[in-house]
């Protein structure tokens, strides 16, 4: 895994990229976390049962992993790269950073 890298993206970068159709946000938090608060437009592939093959086809978009604080998203990116996928981006700061940047979330499931 030493040859794999994970690139940090800011919440504003990710939000803009999603709005422009360039990024697919893959939320690796657990279902109970997502039920409480979710990224608008994200898809959920929990890290606890993470299988890179379960990531939806990004259909030309770049995959960006996200979690609560930015730790699990790095783990997911490295696991995907180890499985041969070119997914080397994650949301630095996770949903905490996303909210701190003033970006919207979906709450209450």
N, C-alpha and C. Protein backbone atom coordinates (compact mmCIF):
# COMPACT_ATOMS: atom_id res chain seq x y z
N UNK A 1 0.82 -1.19 0.00
CA UNK A 1 0.00 0.00 0.00
C UNK A 1 0.86 1.26 0.00
N UNK A 2 2.17 1.09 0.12
CA UNK A 2 3.05 2.25 0.20
C UNK A 2 3.00 3.10 -1.07
N UNK A 3 2.64 2.49 -2.20
CA UNK A 3 2.61 3.26 -3.44
C UNK A 3 1.27 3.94 -3.68
N UNK A 4 0.33 3.76 -2.76
CA UNK A 4 -0.97 4.40 -2.90
C UNK A 4 -0.99 5.73 -2.17
N UNK A 5 -1.69 6.67 -2.76
CA UNK A 5 -1.83 7.98 -2.13
C UNK A 5 -3.30 8.35 -2.09
N UNK A 6 -3.66 9.17 -1.13
CA UNK A 6 -5.01 9.69 -1.03
C UNK A 6 -4.92 11.20 -1.08
N UNK A 7 -5.67 11.80 -1.98
CA UNK A 7 -5.64 13.25 -2.15
C UNK A 7 -6.80 13.89 -1.39
N UNK A 8 -6.45 14.91 -0.61
CA UNK A 8 -7.45 15.65 0.16
C UNK A 8 -8.19 16.63 -0.75
N UNK A 9 -9.51 16.65 -0.62
CA UNK A 9 -10.32 17.67 -1.28
C UNK A 9 -11.06 18.44 -0.20
N UNK A 10 -11.24 19.74 -0.41
CA UNK A 10 -11.97 20.54 0.56
C UNK A 10 -13.47 20.34 0.36
N UNK A 11 -14.26 20.65 1.40
CA UNK A 11 -15.71 20.56 1.24
C UNK A 11 -16.22 21.38 0.05
N UNK A 12 -15.68 22.58 -0.14
CA UNK A 12 -16.13 23.40 -1.27
C UNK A 12 -15.79 22.75 -2.61
N UNK A 13 -14.59 22.15 -2.71
CA UNK A 13 -14.20 21.43 -3.93
C UNK A 13 -15.20 20.32 -4.24
N UNK A 14 -15.53 19.53 -3.22
CA UNK A 14 -16.40 18.38 -3.41
C UNK A 14 -17.82 18.83 -3.75
N UNK A 15 -18.32 19.82 -3.01
CA UNK A 15 -19.66 20.33 -3.28
C UNK A 15 -19.79 20.84 -4.71
N UNK A 16 -18.81 21.61 -5.13
CA UNK A 16 -18.81 22.17 -6.49
C UNK A 16 -18.70 21.06 -7.53
N UNK A 17 -17.81 20.09 -7.28
CA UNK A 17 -17.64 18.98 -8.21
C UNK A 17 -18.89 18.13 -8.34
N UNK A 18 -19.61 17.95 -7.22
CA UNK A 18 -20.86 17.19 -7.27
C UNK A 18 -21.91 17.97 -8.07
N UNK A 19 -21.99 19.27 -7.82
CA UNK A 19 -22.96 20.11 -8.53
C UNK A 19 -22.70 20.12 -10.03
N UNK A 20 -21.43 20.03 -10.39
CA UNK A 20 -21.04 20.05 -11.81
C UNK A 20 -21.05 18.65 -12.43
N UNK A 21 -21.38 17.63 -11.62
CA UNK A 21 -21.43 16.27 -12.14
C UNK A 21 -20.08 15.61 -12.34
N UNK A 22 -19.04 16.13 -11.66
CA UNK A 22 -17.70 15.56 -11.79
C UNK A 22 -17.38 14.52 -10.73
N UNK A 23 -18.04 14.61 -9.57
CA UNK A 23 -17.72 13.74 -8.44
C UNK A 23 -18.93 12.90 -8.02
N UNK A 24 -18.64 11.64 -7.64
CA UNK A 24 -19.61 10.79 -6.97
C UNK A 24 -19.11 10.66 -5.53
N UNK A 25 -19.91 11.15 -4.59
CA UNK A 25 -19.52 11.07 -3.18
C UNK A 25 -19.96 9.73 -2.61
N UNK A 26 -19.00 8.97 -2.09
CA UNK A 26 -19.28 7.68 -1.47
C UNK A 26 -19.05 7.83 0.04
N UNK A 27 -20.16 7.78 0.77
CA UNK A 27 -20.15 7.95 2.23
C UNK A 27 -19.90 6.58 2.86
N UNK A 28 -18.80 6.45 3.60
CA UNK A 28 -18.45 5.16 4.20
C UNK A 28 -18.83 5.07 5.68
N UNK A 29 -19.66 6.01 6.13
CA UNK A 29 -20.15 5.93 7.51
C UNK A 29 -21.20 4.82 7.62
N UNK A 30 -21.55 4.49 8.86
CA UNK A 30 -22.51 3.42 9.11
C UNK A 30 -23.95 3.91 8.91
N UNK A 31 -24.87 2.98 8.63
CA UNK A 31 -26.26 3.38 8.35
C UNK A 31 -26.89 4.25 9.44
N UNK A 32 -26.59 3.97 10.72
CA UNK A 32 -27.17 4.78 11.79
C UNK A 32 -26.66 6.22 11.73
N UNK A 33 -25.40 6.40 11.34
CA UNK A 33 -24.84 7.76 11.21
C UNK A 33 -25.50 8.50 10.05
N UNK A 34 -25.66 7.78 8.94
CA UNK A 34 -26.25 8.38 7.74
C UNK A 34 -27.72 8.71 7.99
N UNK A 35 -28.41 7.86 8.78
CA UNK A 35 -29.82 8.11 9.08
C UNK A 35 -29.99 9.42 9.85
N UNK A 36 -29.01 9.73 10.70
CA UNK A 36 -29.08 10.96 11.49
C UNK A 36 -28.75 12.19 10.66
N UNK A 37 -27.76 12.05 9.77
CA UNK A 37 -27.33 13.18 8.95
C UNK A 37 -26.55 12.67 7.76
N UNK A 38 -26.95 13.12 6.57
CA UNK A 38 -26.34 12.58 5.35
C UNK A 38 -25.89 13.69 4.42
N UNK A 39 -24.93 13.32 3.57
CA UNK A 39 -24.52 14.22 2.49
C UNK A 39 -25.59 14.20 1.40
N UNK A 40 -26.06 15.36 0.94
CA UNK A 40 -27.01 15.36 -0.17
C UNK A 40 -26.35 14.77 -1.43
N UNK A 41 -26.99 13.79 -2.02
CA UNK A 41 -26.47 13.23 -3.26
C UNK A 41 -25.40 12.18 -3.10
N UNK A 42 -25.07 11.81 -1.86
CA UNK A 42 -24.05 10.79 -1.65
C UNK A 42 -24.64 9.39 -1.72
N UNK A 43 -23.78 8.41 -1.98
CA UNK A 43 -24.19 7.01 -1.91
C UNK A 43 -23.46 6.39 -0.72
N UNK A 44 -24.11 5.43 -0.07
CA UNK A 44 -23.58 4.86 1.17
C UNK A 44 -23.01 3.46 0.92
N UNK A 45 -21.74 3.29 1.27
CA UNK A 45 -21.07 1.98 1.24
C UNK A 45 -20.31 1.90 2.57
N UNK A 46 -20.96 1.37 3.64
CA UNK A 46 -20.36 1.40 4.97
C UNK A 46 -18.99 0.71 5.03
N UNK A 47 -18.07 1.34 5.75
CA UNK A 47 -16.72 0.79 5.87
C UNK A 47 -16.73 -0.55 6.61
N UNK A 48 -17.68 -0.75 7.53
CA UNK A 48 -17.70 -2.00 8.31
C UNK A 48 -17.91 -3.22 7.42
N UNK A 49 -18.55 -3.03 6.29
CA UNK A 49 -18.77 -4.14 5.36
C UNK A 49 -18.23 -3.76 3.98
N UNK A 50 -17.16 -2.97 3.96
CA UNK A 50 -16.67 -2.36 2.72
C UNK A 50 -16.15 -3.40 1.73
N UNK A 51 -16.70 -3.36 0.56
CA UNK A 51 -16.24 -4.15 -0.58
C UNK A 51 -16.14 -3.19 -1.75
N UNK A 52 -14.94 -2.96 -2.29
CA UNK A 52 -14.83 -2.02 -3.40
C UNK A 52 -15.79 -2.33 -4.55
N UNK A 53 -16.12 -3.60 -4.75
CA UNK A 53 -17.04 -3.95 -5.84
C UNK A 53 -18.46 -3.44 -5.59
N UNK A 54 -18.78 -3.05 -4.34
CA UNK A 54 -20.11 -2.53 -4.03
C UNK A 54 -20.24 -1.03 -4.32
N UNK A 55 -19.16 -0.41 -4.72
CA UNK A 55 -19.24 1.01 -5.09
C UNK A 55 -19.97 1.10 -6.42
N UNK A 56 -21.02 1.93 -6.48
CA UNK A 56 -21.74 2.03 -7.75
C UNK A 56 -20.84 2.53 -8.88
N UNK A 57 -21.18 2.15 -10.09
CA UNK A 57 -20.44 2.65 -11.26
C UNK A 57 -20.52 4.17 -11.27
N UNK A 58 -19.36 4.84 -11.21
CA UNK A 58 -19.39 6.31 -11.17
C UNK A 58 -19.80 6.95 -12.50
N UNK A 59 -19.92 6.16 -13.55
CA UNK A 59 -20.38 6.66 -14.84
C UNK A 59 -19.62 7.90 -15.29
N UNK A 60 -18.30 7.78 -15.27
CA UNK A 60 -17.45 8.86 -15.75
C UNK A 60 -17.07 9.89 -14.70
N UNK A 61 -17.68 9.81 -13.53
CA UNK A 61 -17.34 10.74 -12.45
C UNK A 61 -16.15 10.19 -11.67
N UNK A 62 -15.50 11.07 -10.94
CA UNK A 62 -14.44 10.65 -10.02
C UNK A 62 -15.07 10.35 -8.67
N UNK A 63 -14.67 9.23 -8.08
CA UNK A 63 -15.17 8.84 -6.77
C UNK A 63 -14.42 9.62 -5.69
N UNK A 64 -15.19 10.17 -4.75
CA UNK A 64 -14.63 10.86 -3.59
C UNK A 64 -15.23 10.20 -2.35
N UNK A 65 -14.38 9.65 -1.49
CA UNK A 65 -14.86 9.03 -0.26
C UNK A 65 -15.06 10.09 0.82
N UNK A 66 -16.05 9.84 1.69
CA UNK A 66 -16.33 10.77 2.78
C UNK A 66 -16.78 9.98 4.00
N UNK A 67 -16.56 10.57 5.17
CA UNK A 67 -17.00 9.94 6.43
C UNK A 67 -17.32 11.07 7.41
N UNK A 68 -17.10 10.82 8.71
CA UNK A 68 -17.41 11.83 9.72
C UNK A 68 -16.30 12.88 9.82
N UNK A 69 -15.04 12.40 9.90
CA UNK A 69 -13.95 13.34 10.15
C UNK A 69 -12.81 13.28 9.13
N UNK A 70 -12.83 12.26 8.27
CA UNK A 70 -11.78 12.13 7.27
C UNK A 70 -10.83 10.97 7.47
N UNK A 71 -11.03 10.17 8.52
CA UNK A 71 -10.15 9.02 8.76
C UNK A 71 -10.62 7.79 7.99
N UNK A 72 -11.90 7.43 8.13
CA UNK A 72 -12.41 6.23 7.45
C UNK A 72 -12.39 6.39 5.94
N UNK A 73 -12.55 7.62 5.46
CA UNK A 73 -12.53 7.84 4.00
C UNK A 73 -11.15 7.54 3.42
N UNK A 74 -10.09 7.83 4.18
CA UNK A 74 -8.73 7.48 3.73
C UNK A 74 -8.59 5.96 3.68
N UNK A 75 -9.07 5.28 4.71
CA UNK A 75 -9.02 3.82 4.75
C UNK A 75 -9.74 3.23 3.54
N UNK A 76 -10.92 3.75 3.23
CA UNK A 76 -11.70 3.25 2.09
C UNK A 76 -10.97 3.49 0.78
N UNK A 77 -10.37 4.66 0.63
CA UNK A 77 -9.65 4.97 -0.59
C UNK A 77 -8.47 4.02 -0.78
N UNK A 78 -7.73 3.77 0.28
CA UNK A 78 -6.59 2.85 0.19
C UNK A 78 -7.06 1.43 -0.13
N UNK A 79 -8.19 1.01 0.46
CA UNK A 79 -8.72 -0.33 0.17
C UNK A 79 -9.16 -0.43 -1.28
N UNK A 80 -9.79 0.60 -1.80
CA UNK A 80 -10.22 0.60 -3.20
C UNK A 80 -9.01 0.55 -4.13
N UNK A 81 -7.98 1.33 -3.80
CA UNK A 81 -6.77 1.32 -4.62
C UNK A 81 -6.09 -0.06 -4.57
N UNK A 82 -6.09 -0.68 -3.40
CA UNK A 82 -5.50 -2.01 -3.26
C UNK A 82 -6.26 -3.03 -4.11
N UNK A 83 -7.55 -2.76 -4.36
CA UNK A 83 -8.37 -3.64 -5.19
C UNK A 83 -8.25 -3.27 -6.68
N UNK A 84 -7.37 -2.31 -6.98
CA UNK A 84 -7.11 -1.97 -8.37
C UNK A 84 -7.97 -0.85 -8.93
N UNK A 85 -8.71 -0.16 -8.07
CA UNK A 85 -9.56 0.94 -8.52
C UNK A 85 -8.81 2.28 -8.39
N UNK A 86 -9.06 3.22 -9.29
CA UNK A 86 -8.30 4.47 -9.28
C UNK A 86 -8.92 5.54 -8.39
N UNK A 87 -9.46 5.15 -7.26
CA UNK A 87 -10.20 6.07 -6.39
C UNK A 87 -9.27 6.63 -5.32
N UNK A 88 -8.66 7.78 -5.61
CA UNK A 88 -7.62 8.32 -4.73
C UNK A 88 -7.99 9.65 -4.09
N UNK A 89 -9.30 9.93 -3.99
CA UNK A 89 -9.72 11.21 -3.42
C UNK A 89 -10.63 11.00 -2.21
N UNK A 90 -10.50 11.91 -1.25
CA UNK A 90 -11.42 11.88 -0.11
C UNK A 90 -11.69 13.30 0.35
N UNK A 91 -12.81 13.43 1.06
CA UNK A 91 -13.23 14.71 1.62
C UNK A 91 -12.50 14.92 2.94
N UNK A 92 -11.52 15.81 2.93
CA UNK A 92 -10.78 16.12 4.14
C UNK A 92 -11.72 16.78 5.15
N UNK A 93 -11.70 16.28 6.38
CA UNK A 93 -12.55 16.84 7.43
C UNK A 93 -13.92 16.22 7.54
N UNK A 94 -14.29 15.39 6.56
CA UNK A 94 -15.57 14.69 6.62
C UNK A 94 -16.77 15.59 6.75
N UNK A 95 -17.85 15.02 7.30
CA UNK A 95 -19.09 15.79 7.41
C UNK A 95 -18.95 16.92 8.43
N UNK A 96 -18.02 16.78 9.37
CA UNK A 96 -17.77 17.87 10.32
C UNK A 96 -17.23 19.09 9.56
N UNK A 97 -16.29 18.86 8.66
CA UNK A 97 -15.74 19.95 7.85
C UNK A 97 -16.77 20.49 6.86
N UNK A 98 -17.58 19.58 6.33
CA UNK A 98 -18.65 19.96 5.39
C UNK A 98 -19.59 20.96 6.05
N UNK A 99 -20.03 20.63 7.28
CA UNK A 99 -20.95 21.53 8.00
C UNK A 99 -20.24 22.82 8.41
N UNK A 100 -18.97 22.72 8.81
CA UNK A 100 -18.21 23.91 9.19
C UNK A 100 -18.07 24.87 8.02
N UNK A 101 -18.08 24.32 6.78
CA UNK A 101 -17.98 25.16 5.59
C UNK A 101 -19.34 25.74 5.20
N UNK A 102 -20.38 25.42 6.01
CA UNK A 102 -21.69 25.97 5.75
C UNK A 102 -22.48 25.24 4.68
N UNK A 103 -22.06 24.02 4.35
CA UNK A 103 -22.75 23.25 3.31
C UNK A 103 -23.92 22.48 3.91
N UNK A 104 -24.97 22.23 3.12
CA UNK A 104 -26.16 21.60 3.64
C UNK A 104 -26.00 20.09 3.84
N UNK A 105 -26.79 19.57 4.78
CA UNK A 105 -26.88 18.12 4.98
C UNK A 105 -28.36 17.76 5.01
N UNK A 106 -28.63 16.48 4.79
CA UNK A 106 -29.99 15.96 4.95
C UNK A 106 -30.05 15.35 6.33
N UNK A 107 -31.02 15.78 7.14
CA UNK A 107 -31.11 15.27 8.50
C UNK A 107 -32.38 14.45 8.68
N UNK A 108 -32.33 13.55 9.65
CA UNK A 108 -33.50 12.78 10.00
C UNK A 108 -33.90 11.71 9.01
N UNK A 109 -32.89 11.17 8.29
CA UNK A 109 -33.15 10.06 7.39
C UNK A 109 -33.82 10.51 6.13
